[in-house]
């Protein structure tokens, strides 16, 4: 039997949800991501990300822990982030 493990269940509100946004490495990405995420958690600000540039510097991943109140908020912020052509992935 080859069973795929179930994804862990998230209990809401979640105080320390990890969001990772991968996008083009340009100056407008972080302010855009901050504008979206700060609507859901006012503690998110421009200096609270862990940044990891790609090997060639073309892309960057921005990782932040934030509070998520409910599943609908999580779905909505994913949709809002994906509006930007600079955002390549949201995890």
N, C-alpha and C. Protein backbone atom coordinates (compact mmCIF):
# COMPACT_ATOMS: atom_id res chain seq x y z
N UNK A 1 0.83 -1.19 0.00
CA UNK A 1 0.00 0.00 0.00
C UNK A 1 0.87 1.25 0.00
N UNK A 2 0.55 2.13 -0.89
CA UNK A 2 1.29 3.39 -0.99
C UNK A 2 0.36 4.52 -0.57
N UNK A 3 0.41 4.89 0.71
CA UNK A 3 -0.46 5.94 1.21
C UNK A 3 0.30 7.26 1.28
N UNK A 4 -0.32 8.30 0.77
CA UNK A 4 0.24 9.63 0.87
C UNK A 4 -0.16 10.22 2.21
N UNK A 5 0.81 10.73 2.98
CA UNK A 5 0.45 11.30 4.27
C UNK A 5 -0.42 12.54 4.10
N UNK A 6 -1.33 12.72 5.04
CA UNK A 6 -2.20 13.89 5.00
C UNK A 6 -1.43 15.13 5.43
N UNK A 7 -1.81 16.24 4.85
CA UNK A 7 -1.21 17.52 5.25
C UNK A 7 -1.63 17.81 6.69
N UNK A 8 -0.75 18.44 7.45
CA UNK A 8 -1.12 18.76 8.83
C UNK A 8 -2.30 19.73 8.86
N UNK A 9 -3.15 19.56 9.84
CA UNK A 9 -4.30 20.45 10.00
C UNK A 9 -3.85 21.73 10.68
N UNK A 10 -4.32 22.84 10.18
CA UNK A 10 -3.99 24.14 10.75
C UNK A 10 -5.17 24.59 11.59
N UNK A 11 -4.89 24.97 12.82
CA UNK A 11 -5.94 25.48 13.69
C UNK A 11 -5.93 27.00 13.63
N UNK A 12 -7.09 27.58 13.41
CA UNK A 12 -7.20 29.03 13.32
C UNK A 12 -7.89 29.56 14.56
N UNK A 13 -7.48 30.74 15.02
CA UNK A 13 -6.42 31.56 14.47
C UNK A 13 -5.06 30.91 14.69
N UNK A 14 -4.15 31.18 13.77
CA UNK A 14 -2.79 30.64 13.81
C UNK A 14 -1.84 31.81 14.05
N UNK A 15 -1.13 31.78 15.17
CA UNK A 15 -0.26 32.90 15.56
C UNK A 15 1.03 32.99 14.77
N UNK A 16 1.48 31.88 14.21
CA UNK A 16 2.82 31.87 13.61
C UNK A 16 2.82 31.12 12.29
N UNK A 17 1.96 31.53 11.37
CA UNK A 17 1.86 30.89 10.07
C UNK A 17 3.00 31.40 9.18
N UNK A 18 3.68 30.50 8.52
CA UNK A 18 4.81 30.88 7.66
C UNK A 18 4.32 31.08 6.23
N UNK A 19 4.56 32.25 5.70
CA UNK A 19 4.24 32.58 4.31
C UNK A 19 5.57 32.77 3.58
N UNK A 20 5.70 32.15 2.42
CA UNK A 20 6.88 32.36 1.57
C UNK A 20 6.40 32.82 0.21
N UNK A 21 6.94 33.93 -0.23
CA UNK A 21 6.60 34.48 -1.54
C UNK A 21 7.88 34.50 -2.37
N UNK A 22 7.82 33.87 -3.54
CA UNK A 22 8.96 33.86 -4.45
C UNK A 22 8.59 34.75 -5.63
N UNK A 23 9.50 35.67 -5.96
CA UNK A 23 9.20 36.58 -7.05
C UNK A 23 10.46 37.17 -7.67
N UNK A 24 10.23 38.03 -8.66
CA UNK A 24 11.33 38.73 -9.31
C UNK A 24 12.04 39.60 -8.28
N UNK A 25 13.34 39.62 -8.34
CA UNK A 25 14.14 40.39 -7.39
C UNK A 25 14.24 41.83 -7.87
N UNK A 26 13.22 42.62 -7.56
CA UNK A 26 13.26 44.05 -7.87
C UNK A 26 12.66 44.82 -6.71
N UNK A 27 12.94 46.12 -6.63
CA UNK A 27 12.58 46.91 -5.45
C UNK A 27 11.09 46.98 -5.12
N UNK A 28 10.22 46.75 -6.07
CA UNK A 28 8.78 46.88 -5.80
C UNK A 28 8.17 45.63 -5.15
N UNK A 29 8.87 44.50 -5.18
CA UNK A 29 8.29 43.26 -4.68
C UNK A 29 7.99 43.31 -3.18
N UNK A 30 8.99 43.65 -2.38
CA UNK A 30 8.79 43.62 -0.93
C UNK A 30 7.71 44.61 -0.46
N UNK A 31 7.68 45.85 -0.96
CA UNK A 31 6.59 46.75 -0.56
C UNK A 31 5.20 46.22 -0.96
N UNK A 32 5.10 45.61 -2.14
CA UNK A 32 3.82 45.04 -2.57
C UNK A 32 3.39 43.93 -1.62
N UNK A 33 4.30 43.01 -1.33
CA UNK A 33 3.98 41.89 -0.44
C UNK A 33 3.61 42.42 0.95
N UNK A 34 4.33 43.40 1.43
CA UNK A 34 4.05 43.99 2.74
C UNK A 34 2.67 44.63 2.77
N UNK A 35 2.31 45.36 1.71
CA UNK A 35 0.98 45.98 1.65
C UNK A 35 -0.13 44.94 1.76
N UNK A 36 0.04 43.83 1.07
CA UNK A 36 -0.98 42.78 1.11
C UNK A 36 -1.02 42.13 2.49
N UNK A 37 0.13 41.66 2.98
CA UNK A 37 0.14 40.90 4.23
C UNK A 37 -0.24 41.74 5.44
N UNK A 38 0.14 43.00 5.44
CA UNK A 38 -0.17 43.85 6.60
C UNK A 38 -1.67 44.11 6.75
N UNK A 39 -2.45 43.86 5.71
CA UNK A 39 -3.90 43.96 5.82
C UNK A 39 -4.46 42.85 6.72
N UNK A 40 -3.72 41.77 6.83
CA UNK A 40 -4.16 40.61 7.61
C UNK A 40 -3.47 40.52 8.97
N UNK A 41 -2.30 41.11 9.08
CA UNK A 41 -1.57 41.14 10.35
C UNK A 41 -0.77 42.43 10.39
N UNK A 42 -1.19 43.37 11.22
CA UNK A 42 -0.56 44.68 11.27
C UNK A 42 0.89 44.63 11.77
N UNK A 43 1.32 43.50 12.31
CA UNK A 43 2.71 43.37 12.76
C UNK A 43 3.68 43.14 11.61
N UNK A 44 3.17 42.81 10.42
CA UNK A 44 4.03 42.61 9.26
C UNK A 44 4.50 43.97 8.75
N UNK A 45 5.82 44.12 8.66
CA UNK A 45 6.39 45.37 8.14
C UNK A 45 7.57 45.05 7.24
N UNK A 46 8.06 46.03 6.57
CA UNK A 46 9.06 45.88 5.51
C UNK A 46 10.36 45.21 5.99
N UNK A 47 10.67 45.30 7.28
CA UNK A 47 11.94 44.77 7.79
C UNK A 47 11.81 43.40 8.46
N UNK A 48 10.67 42.75 8.38
CA UNK A 48 10.50 41.50 9.13
C UNK A 48 10.66 40.23 8.28
N UNK A 49 11.14 40.35 7.07
CA UNK A 49 11.27 39.19 6.18
C UNK A 49 12.65 38.57 6.27
N UNK A 50 12.69 37.27 6.06
CA UNK A 50 13.95 36.59 5.79
C UNK A 50 14.02 36.55 4.27
N UNK A 51 15.10 37.10 3.72
CA UNK A 51 15.25 37.15 2.26
C UNK A 51 16.30 36.15 1.80
N UNK A 52 16.00 35.47 0.70
CA UNK A 52 16.95 34.51 0.15
C UNK A 52 16.97 34.68 -1.37
N UNK A 53 18.02 35.34 -1.90
CA UNK A 53 18.09 35.52 -3.35
C UNK A 53 18.47 34.21 -4.05
N UNK A 54 18.04 34.07 -5.28
CA UNK A 54 18.42 32.91 -6.08
C UNK A 54 19.91 32.98 -6.42
N UNK A 55 20.43 31.89 -6.91
CA UNK A 55 21.85 31.79 -7.22
C UNK A 55 22.31 32.90 -8.18
N UNK A 56 21.48 33.18 -9.19
CA UNK A 56 21.87 34.21 -10.17
C UNK A 56 21.32 35.59 -9.81
N UNK A 57 20.56 35.69 -8.71
CA UNK A 57 20.04 36.98 -8.27
C UNK A 57 18.79 37.46 -8.97
N UNK A 58 18.26 36.67 -9.87
CA UNK A 58 17.07 37.09 -10.62
C UNK A 58 15.81 37.03 -9.77
N UNK A 59 15.75 36.06 -8.85
CA UNK A 59 14.57 35.88 -8.01
C UNK A 59 14.96 36.02 -6.54
N UNK A 60 13.96 36.22 -5.71
CA UNK A 60 14.16 36.27 -4.27
C UNK A 60 12.96 35.62 -3.59
N UNK A 61 13.23 34.93 -2.48
CA UNK A 61 12.11 34.43 -1.67
C UNK A 61 12.05 35.28 -0.41
N UNK A 62 10.84 35.66 -0.06
CA UNK A 62 10.58 36.44 1.14
C UNK A 62 9.77 35.55 2.08
N UNK A 63 10.28 35.31 3.27
CA UNK A 63 9.61 34.46 4.23
C UNK A 63 9.29 35.27 5.47
N UNK A 64 8.06 35.11 5.97
CA UNK A 64 7.64 35.83 7.17
C UNK A 64 6.66 34.96 7.96
N UNK A 65 6.69 35.11 9.27
CA UNK A 65 5.69 34.47 10.13
C UNK A 65 4.65 35.53 10.46
N UNK A 66 3.39 35.14 10.39
CA UNK A 66 2.33 36.10 10.65
C UNK A 66 1.11 35.43 11.25
N UNK A 67 0.22 36.21 11.79
CA UNK A 67 -1.03 35.71 12.36
C UNK A 67 -2.07 35.63 11.25
N UNK A 68 -2.73 34.49 11.17
CA UNK A 68 -3.84 34.30 10.24
C UNK A 68 -5.08 33.96 11.07
N UNK A 69 -6.12 34.74 10.90
CA UNK A 69 -7.34 34.56 11.69
C UNK A 69 -8.16 33.35 11.25
N UNK A 70 -8.31 33.19 9.93
CA UNK A 70 -9.18 32.12 9.43
C UNK A 70 -8.73 31.67 8.05
N UNK A 71 -9.19 30.51 7.65
CA UNK A 71 -8.82 29.93 6.37
C UNK A 71 -9.18 30.84 5.21
N UNK A 72 -10.31 31.49 5.27
CA UNK A 72 -10.71 32.40 4.19
C UNK A 72 -9.70 33.54 4.01
N UNK A 73 -9.16 34.05 5.11
CA UNK A 73 -8.13 35.10 5.01
C UNK A 73 -6.89 34.57 4.28
N UNK A 74 -6.50 33.35 4.60
CA UNK A 74 -5.34 32.74 3.96
C UNK A 74 -5.56 32.60 2.46
N UNK A 75 -6.72 32.13 2.08
CA UNK A 75 -7.04 31.98 0.65
C UNK A 75 -7.05 33.33 -0.04
N UNK A 76 -7.64 34.32 0.62
CA UNK A 76 -7.74 35.66 0.02
C UNK A 76 -6.37 36.30 -0.16
N UNK A 77 -5.50 36.19 0.84
CA UNK A 77 -4.18 36.83 0.68
C UNK A 77 -3.36 36.13 -0.40
N UNK A 78 -3.54 34.83 -0.58
CA UNK A 78 -2.87 34.14 -1.68
C UNK A 78 -3.33 34.71 -3.02
N UNK A 79 -4.63 34.92 -3.17
CA UNK A 79 -5.17 35.48 -4.41
C UNK A 79 -4.66 36.90 -4.64
N UNK A 80 -4.62 37.70 -3.58
CA UNK A 80 -4.15 39.08 -3.72
C UNK A 80 -2.67 39.14 -4.10
N UNK A 81 -1.87 38.24 -3.56
CA UNK A 81 -0.45 38.22 -3.90
C UNK A 81 -0.23 37.80 -5.35
N UNK A 82 -1.02 36.85 -5.83
CA UNK A 82 -0.83 36.33 -7.18
C UNK A 82 -1.26 37.30 -8.27
N UNK A 83 -1.87 38.42 -7.89
CA UNK A 83 -2.28 39.44 -8.86
C UNK A 83 -1.06 40.07 -9.53
N UNK A 84 0.04 40.17 -8.78
CA UNK A 84 1.25 40.79 -9.31
C UNK A 84 2.00 39.83 -10.23
N UNK A 85 2.40 40.32 -11.39
CA UNK A 85 3.20 39.51 -12.33
C UNK A 85 4.57 39.21 -11.76
N UNK A 86 5.02 39.99 -10.78
CA UNK A 86 6.33 39.77 -10.16
C UNK A 86 6.33 38.57 -9.22
N UNK A 87 5.16 38.20 -8.70
CA UNK A 87 5.06 37.08 -7.79
C UNK A 87 4.95 35.80 -8.60
N UNK A 88 5.88 34.90 -8.36
CA UNK A 88 5.93 33.64 -9.11
C UNK A 88 5.29 32.48 -8.35
N UNK A 89 5.45 32.46 -7.02
CA UNK A 89 4.88 31.41 -6.18
C UNK A 89 4.55 31.95 -4.80
N UNK A 90 3.50 31.40 -4.22
CA UNK A 90 3.16 31.70 -2.82
C UNK A 90 3.01 30.37 -2.11
N UNK A 91 3.79 30.18 -1.09
CA UNK A 91 3.77 28.93 -0.33
C UNK A 91 3.40 29.20 1.11
